[in-house]
Amino acid sequence: TFSGKNGAKEALRCSEKALLIASEGFWDGDEIAIEAEDNPVIDPNYETNATTPGLANPAVLKLLPVRVSHLCLRSAYLQRGNALAAMGKEEEARESYEKVFPLLEDEPRCARVDWERHSLYVNIGNTYSRSGDFDAALAQYDKAEKLGQDHLNEEGGSEKDGKGMVACVKRARAFALKRAGKDGEAKKILKEVVEQQIKDNIEAAAAKKKEAEGAKKDEAASEAK
């Protein structure tokens, strides 16, 4: 529940705990139980007693597949990167985001996993943008946009997810352009995003109306029999 600059320090602390739980080592169950309280108060003199095995610990892997650990690590590294970015630690944030990619290598290609990769590329691009390296940011945005275009252009892709990915990265690219002093290009891209959204909304409304009319005709035909 911690977010933004105000909650970054607490968010980072929680993500570090999550990484411990998902690791090969051990973590302190009592310490984590305190964290689960609404208003946790950690005794500054508390001595950690890490005796609970992590999700990737050999003892746990006898009962659970390693993918359980990987799922938790993916989320924890992402949140850790977000917290570090909010604290202005851009290089450390990038390192945290990049740790997720190896954990995705064995995942089958699908919209859900592509959104995860997309989020990483955009977040990494944003760290470069905020650091003043627009070219490096652009390279990451290009990777993110390609994921969306794949869904739009390849058989079996999700048109809805593809459009969402493209729109998301276009907004990120526009903010990076503005940060780089290229206001004209930024406004042009944002205009494209808005126009596409309006078009999609009109098409969605028309499709919904057609579906409702079809259902009404089917109902009338059924009653006439």
C-alpha atoms as a PDB file:
ATOM      1  CA  THR A   1       0.000   0.000   0.000  1.00  0.00           C
ATOM      2  CA  PHE A   2       3.045   2.296   0.171  1.00  0.00           C
ATOM      3  CA  SER A   3       3.570   4.397  -2.964  1.00  0.00           C
ATOM      4  CA  GLY A   4       5.139   7.590  -4.282  1.00  0.00           C
ATOM      5  CA  LYS A   5       8.014   9.466  -2.709  1.00  0.00           C
ATOM      6  CA  ASN A   6       6.379   9.591   0.718  1.00  0.00           C
ATOM      7  CA  GLY A   7       6.004   5.820   0.943  1.00  0.00           C
ATOM      8  CA  ALA A   8       9.163   4.858  -0.964  1.00  0.00           C
ATOM      9  CA  LYS A   9      11.291   4.054   2.079  1.00  0.00           C
ATOM     10  CA  GLU A  10       8.643   1.765   3.583  1.00  0.00           C
ATOM     11  CA  ALA A  11       7.901   0.211   0.180  1.00  0.00           C
ATOM     12  CA  LEU A  12      11.593  -0.561  -0.257  1.00  0.00           C
ATOM     13  CA  ARG A  13      11.760  -2.173   3.178  1.00  0.00           C
ATOM     14  CA  CYS A  14       8.718  -4.355   2.418  1.00  0.00           C
ATOM     15  CA  SER A  15      10.080  -5.411  -0.962  1.00  0.00           C
ATOM     16  CA  GLU A  16      13.376  -6.409   0.651  1.00  0.00           C
ATOM     17  CA  LYS A  17      11.410  -8.615   3.082  1.00  0.00           C
ATOM     18  CA  ALA A  18       9.560 -10.184   0.146  1.00  0.00           C
ATOM     19  CA  LEU A  19      12.866 -10.971  -1.552  1.00  0.00           C
ATOM     20  CA  LEU A  20      14.037 -12.742   1.599  1.00  0.00           C
ATOM     21  CA  ILE A  21      10.886 -14.861   1.725  1.00  0.00           C
ATOM     22  CA  ALA A  22      11.312 -15.870  -1.932  1.00  0.00           C
ATOM     23  CA  SER A  23      15.043 -16.574  -1.633  1.00  0.00           C
ATOM     24  CA  GLU A  24      17.133 -19.714  -1.174  1.00  0.00           C
ATOM     25  CA  GLY A  25      18.035 -18.726   2.359  1.00  0.00           C
ATOM     26  CA  PHE A  26      16.045 -18.229   5.562  1.00  0.00           C
ATOM     27  CA  TRP A  27      13.809 -15.515   6.990  1.00  0.00           C
ATOM     28  CA  ASP A  28      12.414 -14.597  10.405  1.00  0.00           C
ATOM     29  CA  GLY A  29       8.769 -15.661  10.679  1.00  0.00           C
ATOM     30  CA  ASP A  30       8.135 -13.611  13.839  1.00  0.00           C
ATOM     31  CA  GLU A  31       9.502 -10.474  12.198  1.00  0.00           C
ATOM     32  CA  ILE A  32       7.236 -10.925   9.170  1.00  0.00           C
ATOM     33  CA  ALA A  33       4.237 -11.587  11.454  1.00  0.00           C
ATOM     34  CA  ILE A  34       4.780  -8.150  12.995  1.00  0.00           C
ATOM     35  CA  GLU A  35       4.888  -6.625   9.507  1.00  0.00           C
ATOM     36  CA  ALA A  36       1.434  -8.073   8.822  1.00  0.00           C
ATOM     37  CA  GLU A  37      -0.115  -5.933  11.576  1.00  0.00           C
ATOM     38  CA  ASP A  38      -1.970  -2.733  10.664  1.00  0.00           C
ATOM     39  CA  ASN A  39       0.549  -0.528  12.468  1.00  0.00           C
ATOM     40  CA  PRO A  40       3.738  -2.575  12.827  1.00  0.00           C
ATOM     41  CA  VAL A  41       6.245  -1.396  15.411  1.00  0.00           C
ATOM     42  CA  ILE A  42       9.671  -3.003  15.096  1.00  0.00           C
ATOM     43  CA  ASP A  43      11.780  -2.965  18.246  1.00  0.00           C
ATOM     44  CA  PRO A  44      15.096  -1.337  17.233  1.00  0.00           C
ATOM     45  CA  ASN A  45      16.889  -3.810  19.487  1.00  0.00           C
ATOM     46  CA  TYR A  46      15.174  -6.841  17.960  1.00  0.00           C
ATOM     47  CA  GLU A  47      17.652  -9.506  16.841  1.00  0.00           C
ATOM     48  CA  THR A  48      16.640 -11.329  13.686  1.00  0.00           C
ATOM     49  CA  ASN A  49      16.255 -15.083  14.050  1.00  0.00           C
ATOM     50  CA  ALA A  50      16.064 -16.338  10.465  1.00  0.00           C
ATOM     51  CA  THR A  51      14.988 -19.963  10.714  1.00  0.00           C
ATOM     52  CA  THR A  52      12.109 -20.197   8.213  1.00  0.00           C
ATOM     53  CA  PRO A  53      13.300 -21.486   4.801  1.00  0.00           C
ATOM     54  CA  GLY A  54      12.678 -19.313   1.761  1.00  0.00           C
ATOM     55  CA  LEU A  55      10.579 -20.396  -1.194  1.00  0.00           C
ATOM     56  CA  ALA A  56      13.678 -21.352  -3.196  1.00  0.00           C
ATOM     57  CA  ASN A  57      15.307 -23.176  -0.298  1.00  0.00           C
ATOM     58  CA  PRO A  58      16.045 -26.851  -1.127  1.00  0.00           C
ATOM     59  CA  ALA A  59      13.797 -27.978   1.752  1.00  0.00           C
ATOM     60  CA  VAL A  60      10.845 -26.038   0.343  1.00  0.00           C
ATOM     61  CA  LEU A  61      11.521 -27.137  -3.233  1.00  0.00           C
ATOM     62  CA  LYS A  62      10.711 -30.688  -2.158  1.00  0.00           C
ATOM     63  CA  LEU A  63       7.117 -29.482  -1.724  1.00  0.00           C
ATOM     64  CA  LEU A  64       6.731 -26.542  -4.102  1.00  0.00           C
ATOM     65  CA  PRO A  65       7.963 -25.875  -7.649  1.00  0.00           C
ATOM     66  CA  VAL A  66      10.618 -23.190  -8.030  1.00  0.00           C
ATOM     67  CA  ARG A  67       8.162 -21.183 -10.128  1.00  0.00           C
ATOM     68  CA  VAL A  68       6.413 -20.143  -6.908  1.00  0.00           C
ATOM     69  CA  SER A  69       9.638 -18.468  -5.823  1.00  0.00           C
ATOM     70  CA  HIS A  70      10.088 -16.920  -9.261  1.00  0.00           C
ATOM     71  CA  LEU A  71       6.603 -15.403  -9.238  1.00  0.00           C
ATOM     72  CA  CYS A  72       7.281 -13.783  -5.874  1.00  0.00           C
ATOM     73  CA  LEU A  73      10.743 -12.592  -6.921  1.00  0.00           C
ATOM     74  CA  ARG A  74       9.342 -11.018 -10.072  1.00  0.00           C
ATOM     75  CA  SER A  75       6.854  -8.977  -8.090  1.00  0.00           C
ATOM     76  CA  ALA A  76       9.342  -8.077  -5.359  1.00  0.00           C
ATOM     77  CA  TYR A  77      12.051  -6.896  -7.773  1.00  0.00           C
ATOM     78  CA  LEU A  78       9.502  -4.791  -9.661  1.00  0.00           C
ATOM     79  CA  GLN A  79       8.244  -3.137  -6.468  1.00  0.00           C
ATOM     80  CA  ARG A  80      11.799  -2.685  -5.233  1.00  0.00           C
ATOM     81  CA  GLY A  81      12.674  -0.948  -8.499  1.00  0.00           C
ATOM     82  CA  ASN A  82       9.634   1.315  -8.201  1.00  0.00           C
ATOM     83  CA  ALA A  83      10.589   2.274  -4.647  1.00  0.00           C
ATOM     84  CA  LEU A  84      14.196   3.012  -5.604  1.00  0.00           C
ATOM     85  CA  ALA A  85      13.038   5.070  -8.589  1.00  0.00           C
ATOM     86  CA  ALA A  86      10.743   7.096  -6.319  1.00  0.00           C
ATOM     87  CA  MET A  87      13.765   7.776  -4.119  1.00  0.00           C
ATOM     88  CA  GLY A  88      15.717   9.033  -7.124  1.00  0.00           C
ATOM     89  CA  LYS A  89      18.086   6.054  -7.173  1.00  0.00           C
ATOM     90  CA  GLU A  90      17.714   5.450 -10.906  1.00  0.00           C
ATOM     91  CA  GLU A  91      20.698   3.143 -11.476  1.00  0.00           C
ATOM     92  CA  GLU A  92      19.749   0.897  -8.568  1.00  0.00           C
ATOM     93  CA  ALA A  93      16.151   0.864  -9.806  1.00  0.00           C
ATOM     94  CA  ARG A  94      17.298  -0.296 -13.259  1.00  0.00           C
ATOM     95  CA  GLU A  95      19.357  -3.081 -11.706  1.00  0.00           C
ATOM     96  CA  SER A  96      16.303  -4.279  -9.787  1.00  0.00           C
ATOM     97  CA  TYR A  97      14.053  -4.209 -12.862  1.00  0.00           C
ATOM     98  CA  GLU A  98      16.634  -6.073 -14.940  1.00  0.00           C
ATOM     99  CA  LYS A  99      16.759  -8.923 -12.433  1.00  0.00           C
ATOM    100  CA  VAL A 100      13.219  -9.884 -13.513  1.00  0.00           C
ATOM    101  CA  PHE A 101      14.071 -10.726 -17.136  1.00  0.00           C
ATOM    102  CA  PRO A 102      15.924 -14.016 -16.418  1.00  0.00           C
ATOM    103  CA  LEU A 103      12.925 -15.128 -14.356  1.00  0.00           C
ATOM    104  CA  LEU A 104      10.684 -14.678 -17.402  1.00  0.00           C
ATOM    105  CA  GLU A 105      12.771 -16.681 -19.867  1.00  0.00           C
ATOM    106  CA  ASP A 106      10.865 -19.953 -19.391  1.00  0.00           C
ATOM    107  CA  GLU A 107       7.431 -18.336 -19.364  1.00  0.00           C
ATOM    108  CA  PRO A 108       5.231 -19.022 -22.428  1.00  0.00           C
ATOM    109  CA  ARG A 109       4.476 -15.996 -24.583  1.00  0.00           C
ATOM    110  CA  CYS A 110       1.096 -14.511 -23.667  1.00  0.00           C
ATOM    111  CA  ALA A 111      -0.483 -11.104 -23.076  1.00  0.00           C
ATOM    112  CA  ARG A 112      -0.079 -11.304 -19.279  1.00  0.00           C
ATOM    113  CA  VAL A 113       3.661 -12.002 -19.440  1.00  0.00           C
ATOM    114  CA  ASP A 114       4.143  -9.511 -22.266  1.00  0.00           C
ATOM    115  CA  TRP A 115       2.545  -6.836 -20.071  1.00  0.00           C
ATOM    116  CA  GLU A 116       5.088  -7.705 -17.396  1.00  0.00           C
ATOM    117  CA  ARG A 117       7.984  -7.355 -19.835  1.00  0.00           C
ATOM    118  CA  HIS A 118       6.393  -4.199 -21.227  1.00  0.00           C
ATOM    119  CA  SER A 119       6.220  -2.655 -17.750  1.00  0.00           C
ATOM    120  CA  LEU A 120       9.888  -3.413 -17.163  1.00  0.00           C
ATOM    121  CA  TYR A 121      11.007  -1.846 -20.434  1.00  0.00           C
ATOM    122  CA  VAL A 122       8.925   1.271 -19.793  1.00  0.00           C
ATOM    123  CA  ASN A 123      10.164   1.597 -16.219  1.00  0.00           C
ATOM    124  CA  ILE A 124      13.786   1.138 -17.294  1.00  0.00           C
ATOM    125  CA  GLY A 125      13.255   3.688 -20.038  1.00  0.00           C
ATOM    126  CA  ASN A 126      11.838   6.125 -17.502  1.00  0.00           C
ATOM    127  CA  THR A 127      14.918   5.775 -15.299  1.00  0.00           C
ATOM    128  CA  TYR A 128      17.103   6.715 -18.260  1.00  0.00           C
ATOM    129  CA  SER A 129      14.803   9.602 -19.156  1.00  0.00           C
ATOM    130  CA  ARG A 130      14.918  11.019 -15.642  1.00  0.00           C
ATOM    131  CA  SER A 131      18.719  10.660 -15.745  1.00  0.00           C
ATOM    132  CA  GLY A 132      18.870  12.741 -18.938  1.00  0.00           C
ATOM    133  CA  ASP A 133      19.799   9.894 -21.308  1.00  0.00           C
ATOM    134  CA  PHE A 134      16.994  10.160 -23.858  1.00  0.00           C
ATOM    135  CA  ASP A 135      18.612   7.835 -26.424  1.00  0.00           C
ATOM    136  CA  ALA A 136      18.863   5.008 -23.890  1.00  0.00           C
ATOM    137  CA  ALA A 137      15.269   5.653 -22.841  1.00  0.00           C
ATOM    138  CA  LEU A 138      14.126   5.539 -26.461  1.00  0.00           C
ATOM    139  CA  ALA A 139      15.761   2.131 -26.972  1.00  0.00           C
ATOM    140  CA  GLN A 140      13.745   0.721 -24.061  1.00  0.00           C
ATOM    141  CA  TYR A 141      10.502   2.304 -25.261  1.00  0.00           C
ATOM    142  CA  ASP A 142      11.072   0.758 -28.695  1.00  0.00           C
ATOM    143  CA  LYS A 143      11.273  -2.700 -27.098  1.00  0.00           C
ATOM    144  CA  ALA A 144       8.071  -2.056 -25.160  1.00  0.00           C
ATOM    145  CA  GLU A 145       6.219  -0.824 -28.235  1.00  0.00           C
ATOM    146  CA  LYS A 146       7.326  -3.847 -30.264  1.00  0.00           C
ATOM    147  CA  LEU A 147       5.589  -6.126 -27.757  1.00  0.00           C
ATOM    148  CA  GLY A 148       2.359  -4.251 -28.383  1.00  0.00           C
ATOM    149  CA  GLN A 149       2.814  -4.250 -32.150  1.00  0.00           C
ATOM    150  CA  ASP A 150       3.417  -8.012 -32.064  1.00  0.00           C
ATOM    151  CA  HIS A 151      -0.049  -8.489 -30.594  1.00  0.00           C
ATOM    152  CA  LEU A 152      -1.557  -6.224 -33.249  1.00  0.00           C
ATOM    153  CA  ASN A 153       0.237  -7.752 -36.215  1.00  0.00           C
ATOM    154  CA  GLU A 154       0.800 -11.433 -35.432  1.00  0.00           C
ATOM    155  CA  GLU A 155      -1.736 -14.242 -35.526  1.00  0.00           C
ATOM    156  CA  GLY A 156      -2.967 -15.193 -32.066  1.00  0.00           C
ATOM    157  CA  GLY A 157      -2.179 -11.792 -30.587  1.00  0.00           C
ATOM    158  CA  SER A 158      -4.537  -9.775 -28.406  1.00  0.00           C
ATOM    159  CA  GLU A 159      -5.679  -6.618 -30.175  1.00  0.00           C
ATOM    160  CA  LYS A 160      -6.941  -5.057 -26.946  1.00  0.00           C
ATOM    161  CA  ASP A 161      -3.689  -5.715 -25.092  1.00  0.00           C
ATOM    162  CA  GLY A 162      -1.626  -4.643 -28.088  1.00  0.00           C
ATOM    163  CA  LYS A 163      -3.402  -1.289 -28.286  1.00  0.00           C
ATOM    164  CA  GLY A 164      -3.024  -0.836 -24.542  1.00  0.00           C
ATOM    165  CA  MET A 165       0.714  -1.490 -24.663  1.00  0.00           C
ATOM    166  CA  VAL A 166       1.254   0.885 -27.563  1.00  0.00           C
ATOM    167  CA  ALA A 167      -0.757   3.651 -25.898  1.00  0.00           C
ATOM    168  CA  CYS A 168       1.087   3.192 -22.593  1.00  0.00           C
ATOM    169  CA  VAL A 169       4.544   3.412 -24.114  1.00  0.00           C
ATOM    170  CA  LYS A 170       3.532   6.370 -26.293  1.00  0.00           C
ATOM    171  CA  ARG A 171       2.577   8.298 -23.159  1.00  0.00           C
ATOM    172  CA  ALA A 172       5.914   7.408 -21.561  1.00  0.00           C
ATOM    173  CA  ARG A 173       7.742   8.452 -24.724  1.00  0.00           C
ATOM    174  CA  ALA A 174       5.842  11.759 -24.783  1.00  0.00           C
ATOM    175  CA  PHE A 175       6.789  12.590 -21.188  1.00  0.00           C
ATOM    176  CA  ALA A 176      10.428  11.710 -21.976  1.00  0.00           C
ATOM    177  CA  LEU A 177      10.350  14.005 -25.000  1.00  0.00           C
ATOM    178  CA  LYS A 178       8.917  16.816 -22.911  1.00  0.00           C
ATOM    179  CA  ARG A 179      11.609  16.258 -20.301  1.00  0.00           C
ATOM    180  CA  ALA A 180      14.182  16.476 -23.113  1.00  0.00           C
ATOM    181  CA  GLY A 181      12.741  19.833 -24.205  1.00  0.00           C
ATOM    182  CA  LYS A 182      10.991  18.476 -27.301  1.00  0.00           C
ATOM    183  CA  ASP A 183       7.523  19.771 -26.483  1.00  0.00           C
ATOM    184  CA  GLY A 184       6.267  19.754 -30.070  1.00  0.00           C
ATOM    185  CA  GLU A 185       7.014  16.062 -30.582  1.00  0.00           C
ATOM    186  CA  ALA A 186       5.559  15.231 -27.169  1.00  0.00           C
ATOM    187  CA  LYS A 187       2.257  16.977 -27.953  1.00  0.00           C
ATOM    188  CA  LYS A 188       2.036  15.210 -31.314  1.00  0.00           C
ATOM    189  CA  ILE A 189       2.364  11.782 -29.696  1.00  0.00           C
ATOM    190  CA  LEU A 190      -0.160  12.574 -26.953  1.00  0.00           C
ATOM    191  CA  LYS A 191      -2.599  13.763 -29.618  1.00  0.00           C
ATOM    192  CA  GLU A 192      -2.218  10.416 -31.403  1.00  0.00           C
ATOM    193  CA  VAL A 193      -2.972   8.587 -28.143  1.00  0.00           C
ATOM    194  CA  VAL A 194      -6.104  10.633 -27.474  1.00  0.00           C
ATOM    195  CA  GLU A 195      -7.385  10.288 -31.055  1.00  0.00           C
ATOM    196  CA  GLN A 196      -6.843   6.517 -30.990  1.00  0.00           C
ATOM    197  CA  GLN A 197      -8.661   6.236 -27.663  1.00  0.00           C
ATOM    198  CA  ILE A 198     -11.636   8.179 -29.021  1.00  0.00           C
ATOM    199  CA  LYS A 199     -11.724   5.958 -32.107  1.00  0.00           C
ATOM    200  CA  ASP A 200     -11.531   2.798 -29.996  1.00  0.00           C
ATOM    201  CA  ASN A 201     -14.344   4.043 -27.734  1.00  0.00           C
ATOM    202  CA  ILE A 202     -16.597   4.738 -30.721  1.00  0.00           C
ATOM    203  CA  GLU A 203     -15.890   1.301 -32.195  1.00  0.00           C
ATOM    204  CA  ALA A 204     -16.502  -0.394 -28.828  1.00  0.00           C
ATOM    205  CA  ALA A 205     -19.819   1.438 -28.398  1.00  0.00           C
ATOM    206  CA  ALA A 206     -20.908   0.481 -31.931  1.00  0.00           C
ATOM    207  CA  ALA A 207     -19.985  -3.169 -31.339  1.00  0.00           C
ATOM    208  CA  LYS A 208     -21.903  -3.212 -28.047  1.00  0.00           C
ATOM    209  CA  LYS A 209     -24.976  -1.692 -29.725  1.00  0.00           C
ATOM    210  CA  LYS A 210     -24.825  -4.233 -32.539  1.00  0.00           C
ATOM    211  CA  GLU A 211     -24.534  -7.071 -30.045  1.00  0.00           C
ATOM    212  CA  ALA A 212     -27.540  -5.780 -28.095  1.00  0.00           C
ATOM    213  CA  GLU A 213     -29.617  -5.450 -31.256  1.00  0.00           C
ATOM    214  CA  GLY A 214     -28.668  -8.987 -32.293  1.00  0.00           C
ATOM    215  CA  ALA A 215     -29.670 -10.356 -28.891  1.00  0.00           C
ATOM    216  CA  LYS A 216     -32.983  -8.505 -29.107  1.00  0.00           C
ATOM    217  CA  LYS A 217     -33.710  -9.981 -32.550  1.00  0.00           C
ATOM    218  CA  ASP A 218     -32.851 -13.475 -31.339  1.00  0.00           C
ATOM    219  CA  GLU A 219     -35.193 -13.029 -28.374  1.00  0.00           C
ATOM    220  CA  ALA A 220     -38.020 -11.814 -30.613  1.00  0.00           C
ATOM    221  CA  ALA A 221     -37.492 -14.736 -32.999  1.00  0.00           C
ATOM    222  CA  SER A 222     -37.545 -17.175 -30.080  1.00  0.00           C
ATOM    223  CA  GLU A 223     -40.817 -15.763 -28.745  1.00  0.00           C
ATOM    224  CA  ALA A 224     -42.428 -15.957 -32.204  1.00  0.00           C
ATOM    225  CA  LYS A 225     -41.891 -19.729 -32.436  1.00  0.00           C
END
